Amino acid sequence: MKTLFTILFLLSCTSVSFAHNPDESHYKVRVEGSQTLIEAEFAWFLKNAIFEYAPRLKDPKNKGEFVDVFFEYVQKNIIIKNTQNEQLPLLDIKQLKQRGHSHQSNFLFTYEGNDIAHVTNTMLFNISEKHLNHHIFEGNKYLTTSATQSFGLKDIQEPSFDWRYLLLFVIPVLAIVVFVFKKEKTNS
C-alpha cells in the first residue's frame, strides 16, 4: 500500500510540473509550396489580449466582428518579411482542433510567400511584458520577448538548458532509488 501511495505521489508531482505556462506561446513555422504556415498555440488569455487591443469587442455586434479584429491583431503583431524586406501578407486564419490542455487555443496562420528572412512577433505583449513567444523553424529555435521582439533567420539562437526539466527526472529517480534502498535494507 505504501508503495502504491509513493508511486501515485510521484506521478502527481510530475504531471503538475508539465502544466502549460500561460506566459508562453508556441509557434511552428513551415513553408509549404508558395506559402508560409504558422501553427500557433496560445494560453487561455488570448481573448484578453484581443479585448485590450479592441475594447469595443466586449459588446460585439456579431461573431464576424471578433474574427475580423482577431485577423487585424495577428496581422499587426506577427510580421514576416522576405529577403527583399517586403512584408508577407496574412491570407487566412483557421482555428485548429484543440490539442493538449483545455485552456489553450490552436490556430493556423497562412501567409503568402515562402521567402522568409525576418520575423517580428509581439503577440500578447499588450497584456504582459513578461510574455515569451517560442518559435521553431527548420529545427532552429527562436524567441521573442518584449525586449527582443524580432529575429532574423540567420540569427540562430542557442537553446537554453532548463534545469527544471532535469529535476523532473532526477527527483523521481532519486526517490525511487532511496525507496528501493530502504526497502532492501529493511528486508536484510
Protein backbone atom coordinates (compact mmCIF):
# COMPACT_ATOMS: atom_id res chain seq x y z
CA MET A 1 0.00 0.00 0.00
CA LYS A 2 2.83 2.35 0.88
CA THR A 3 4.49 1.64 -2.49
CA LEU A 4 1.29 2.46 -4.35
CA PHE A 5 0.95 5.75 -2.44
CA THR A 6 4.56 6.68 -3.26
CA ILE A 7 4.13 5.95 -6.96
CA LEU A 8 0.87 7.93 -7.13
CA PHE A 9 2.50 10.85 -5.34
CA LEU A 10 5.45 10.88 -7.76
CA LEU A 11 3.15 10.70 -10.78
CA SER A 12 1.01 13.56 -9.50
CA CYS A 13 4.08 15.74 -8.92
CA THR A 14 5.34 15.05 -12.43
CA SER A 15 2.04 15.83 -14.16
CA VAL A 16 1.66 19.12 -12.30
CA SER A 17 5.12 20.16 -13.44
CA PHE A 18 4.17 19.81 -17.11
CA ALA A 19 1.31 22.32 -16.97
CA HIS A 20 1.23 24.84 -19.80
CA ASN A 21 2.84 28.14 -18.84
CA PRO A 22 0.29 30.92 -19.58
CA ASP A 23 3.11 33.42 -20.18
CA GLU A 24 4.35 31.48 -23.20
CA SER A 25 3.07 30.89 -26.71
CA HIS A 26 4.49 28.41 -29.17
CA TYR A 27 4.80 28.73 -32.95
CA LYS A 28 5.82 26.12 -35.50
CA VAL A 29 6.76 27.85 -38.74
CA ARG A 30 6.97 25.92 -42.00
CA VAL A 31 6.98 26.60 -45.72
CA GLU A 32 4.62 24.67 -47.98
CA GLY A 33 4.76 25.47 -51.67
CA SER A 34 4.35 29.20 -52.11
CA GLN A 35 3.01 29.83 -48.60
CA THR A 36 4.31 30.18 -45.07
CA LEU A 37 2.25 28.42 -42.41
CA ILE A 38 2.43 29.09 -38.68
CA GLU A 39 0.82 26.75 -36.19
CA ALA A 40 0.26 28.79 -33.04
CA GLU A 41 -0.58 27.61 -29.54
CA PHE A 42 -1.89 30.24 -27.12
CA ALA A 43 -2.81 30.21 -23.45
CA TRP A 44 -6.34 30.95 -22.32
CA PHE A 45 -5.89 34.72 -22.08
CA LEU A 46 -5.64 35.31 -25.84
CA LYS A 47 -9.15 36.80 -25.68
CA ASN A 48 -7.97 39.26 -23.02
CA ALA A 49 -5.25 40.50 -25.38
CA ILE A 50 -7.79 40.98 -28.15
CA PHE A 51 -10.21 42.81 -25.81
CA GLU A 52 -7.33 45.04 -24.70
CA TYR A 53 -6.46 45.70 -28.35
CA ALA A 54 -10.10 46.44 -29.29
CA PRO A 55 -12.21 47.28 -26.22
CA ARG A 56 -15.32 47.63 -28.40
CA LEU A 57 -15.42 43.83 -28.68
CA LYS A 58 -16.66 43.45 -25.13
CA ASP A 59 -20.08 44.09 -26.68
CA PRO A 60 -19.65 42.56 -30.16
CA LYS A 61 -22.38 43.01 -32.73
CA ASN A 62 -21.69 39.55 -34.19
CA LYS A 63 -19.07 36.79 -34.30
CA GLY A 64 -17.73 38.13 -37.58
CA GLU A 65 -16.62 41.32 -35.85
CA PHE A 66 -14.49 39.31 -33.41
CA VAL A 67 -12.97 37.29 -36.28
CA ASP A 68 -12.14 40.49 -38.19
CA VAL A 69 -10.45 42.08 -35.18
CA PHE A 70 -8.50 38.88 -34.45
CA PHE A 71 -7.25 38.86 -38.06
CA GLU A 72 -6.23 42.52 -37.68
CA TYR A 73 -4.50 41.76 -34.35
CA VAL A 74 -2.47 38.89 -35.84
CA GLN A 75 -1.64 40.95 -38.94
CA LYS A 76 -0.34 43.78 -36.74
CA ASN A 77 1.61 41.57 -34.32
CA ILE A 78 3.18 38.87 -36.50
CA ILE A 79 5.12 40.49 -39.31
CA ILE A 80 7.10 38.28 -41.66
CA LYS A 81 9.49 39.89 -44.14
CA ASN A 82 11.24 38.34 -47.10
CA THR A 83 14.81 38.84 -48.29
CA GLN A 84 13.72 41.99 -50.17
CA ASN A 85 12.41 43.37 -46.84
CA GLU A 86 8.80 43.16 -48.08
CA GLN A 87 6.08 42.10 -45.66
CA LEU A 88 4.34 38.82 -46.46
CA PRO A 89 0.55 39.31 -46.41
CA LEU A 90 -1.56 37.31 -43.98
CA LEU A 91 -4.10 35.36 -46.06
CA ASP A 92 -6.07 33.25 -43.61
CA ILE A 93 -6.55 32.16 -40.02
CA LYS A 94 -8.07 28.81 -39.12
CA GLN A 95 -8.79 27.53 -35.66
CA LEU A 96 -7.31 24.06 -35.26
CA LYS A 97 -8.60 21.19 -33.23
CA GLN A 98 -7.63 21.60 -29.63
CA ARG A 99 -4.51 19.66 -28.72
CA GLY A 100 -3.17 19.44 -25.23
CA HIS A 101 -4.76 21.48 -22.46
CA SER A 102 -8.38 22.59 -22.35
CA HIS A 103 -7.30 26.16 -21.59
CA GLN A 104 -5.37 26.72 -24.80
CA SER A 105 -6.24 27.64 -28.38
CA ASN A 106 -4.53 26.44 -31.53
CA PHE A 107 -4.57 28.33 -34.83
CA LEU A 108 -3.05 28.06 -38.29
CA PHE A 109 -1.92 31.35 -39.85
CA THR A 110 -1.32 31.30 -43.61
CA TYR A 111 0.93 33.90 -45.24
CA GLU A 112 1.51 34.44 -48.94
CA GLY A 113 5.15 33.83 -49.86
CA ASN A 114 7.86 31.39 -48.87
CA ASP A 115 10.97 33.57 -48.76
CA ILE A 116 11.29 34.21 -45.02
CA ALA A 117 14.16 36.37 -43.77
CA HIS A 118 12.88 38.21 -40.68
CA VAL A 119 10.08 37.68 -38.16
CA THR A 120 8.59 40.14 -35.68
CA ASN A 121 6.18 38.68 -33.14
CA THR A 122 4.63 40.87 -30.46
CA MET A 123 1.59 38.68 -29.78
CA LEU A 124 0.25 39.10 -26.23
CA PHE A 125 2.84 41.71 -25.27
CA ASN A 126 -0.02 44.20 -24.96
CA ILE A 127 -1.17 42.42 -21.79
CA SER A 128 2.06 41.01 -20.39
CA GLU A 129 5.59 42.35 -20.69
CA LYS A 130 6.96 39.05 -19.42
CA HIS A 131 5.29 37.01 -22.18
CA LEU A 132 7.56 34.77 -24.28
CA ASN A 133 6.95 33.67 -27.87
CA HIS A 134 8.82 30.47 -28.77
CA HIS A 135 9.34 29.68 -32.47
CA ILE A 136 10.64 26.63 -34.29
CA PHE A 137 11.63 26.85 -37.95
CA GLU A 138 13.56 24.13 -39.75
CA GLY A 139 14.74 22.68 -36.45
CA ASN A 140 16.08 26.00 -35.14
CA LYS A 141 14.62 27.71 -32.09
CA TYR A 142 13.95 31.43 -31.79
CA LEU A 143 12.47 33.55 -29.01
CA THR A 144 10.73 36.91 -28.98
CA THR A 145 10.21 38.92 -25.80
CA SER A 146 9.01 42.43 -25.07
CA ALA A 147 12.70 43.46 -25.16
CA THR A 148 13.64 41.46 -28.30
CA GLN A 149 10.56 41.45 -30.49
CA SER A 150 12.05 40.08 -33.69
CA PHE A 151 14.69 37.80 -35.15
CA GLY A 152 16.35 37.12 -38.46
CA LEU A 153 16.54 33.56 -39.66
CA LYS A 154 20.30 33.85 -39.77
CA ASP A 155 20.20 34.71 -36.03
CA ILE A 156 20.04 31.13 -34.78
CA GLN A 157 19.63 31.25 -31.04
CA GLU A 158 21.24 28.63 -28.90
CA PRO A 159 18.67 26.70 -26.93
CA SER A 160 18.94 27.45 -23.26
CA PHE A 161 19.04 24.50 -20.90
CA ASP A 162 16.13 24.46 -18.49
CA TRP A 163 17.16 22.84 -15.20
CA ARG A 164 13.52 22.31 -14.22
CA TYR A 165 13.17 19.54 -16.80
CA LEU A 166 16.25 17.80 -15.49
CA LEU A 167 14.85 17.99 -11.96
CA LEU A 168 11.60 16.42 -13.16
CA PHE A 169 13.51 13.28 -13.94
CA VAL A 170 16.26 13.35 -11.30
CA ILE A 171 13.98 13.80 -8.28
CA PRO A 172 11.64 10.89 -9.10
CA VAL A 173 14.61 8.63 -9.92
CA LEU A 174 16.34 9.58 -6.66
CA ALA A 175 13.12 9.00 -4.74
CA ILE A 176 12.73 5.55 -6.27
CA VAL A 177 16.38 4.67 -5.57
CA VAL A 178 16.05 5.78 -1.93
CA PHE A 179 12.77 3.88 -1.59
CA VAL A 180 14.26 0.67 -3.03
CA PHE A 181 17.44 1.07 -0.94
CA LYS A 182 15.42 1.49 2.27
CA LYS A 183 13.21 -1.45 1.40
CA GLU A 184 16.23 -3.71 0.72
CA LYS A 185 17.90 -2.51 3.93
CA THR A 186 14.71 -3.31 5.88
CA ASN A 187 14.47 -6.80 4.33
CA SER A 188 18.10 -7.66 5.21
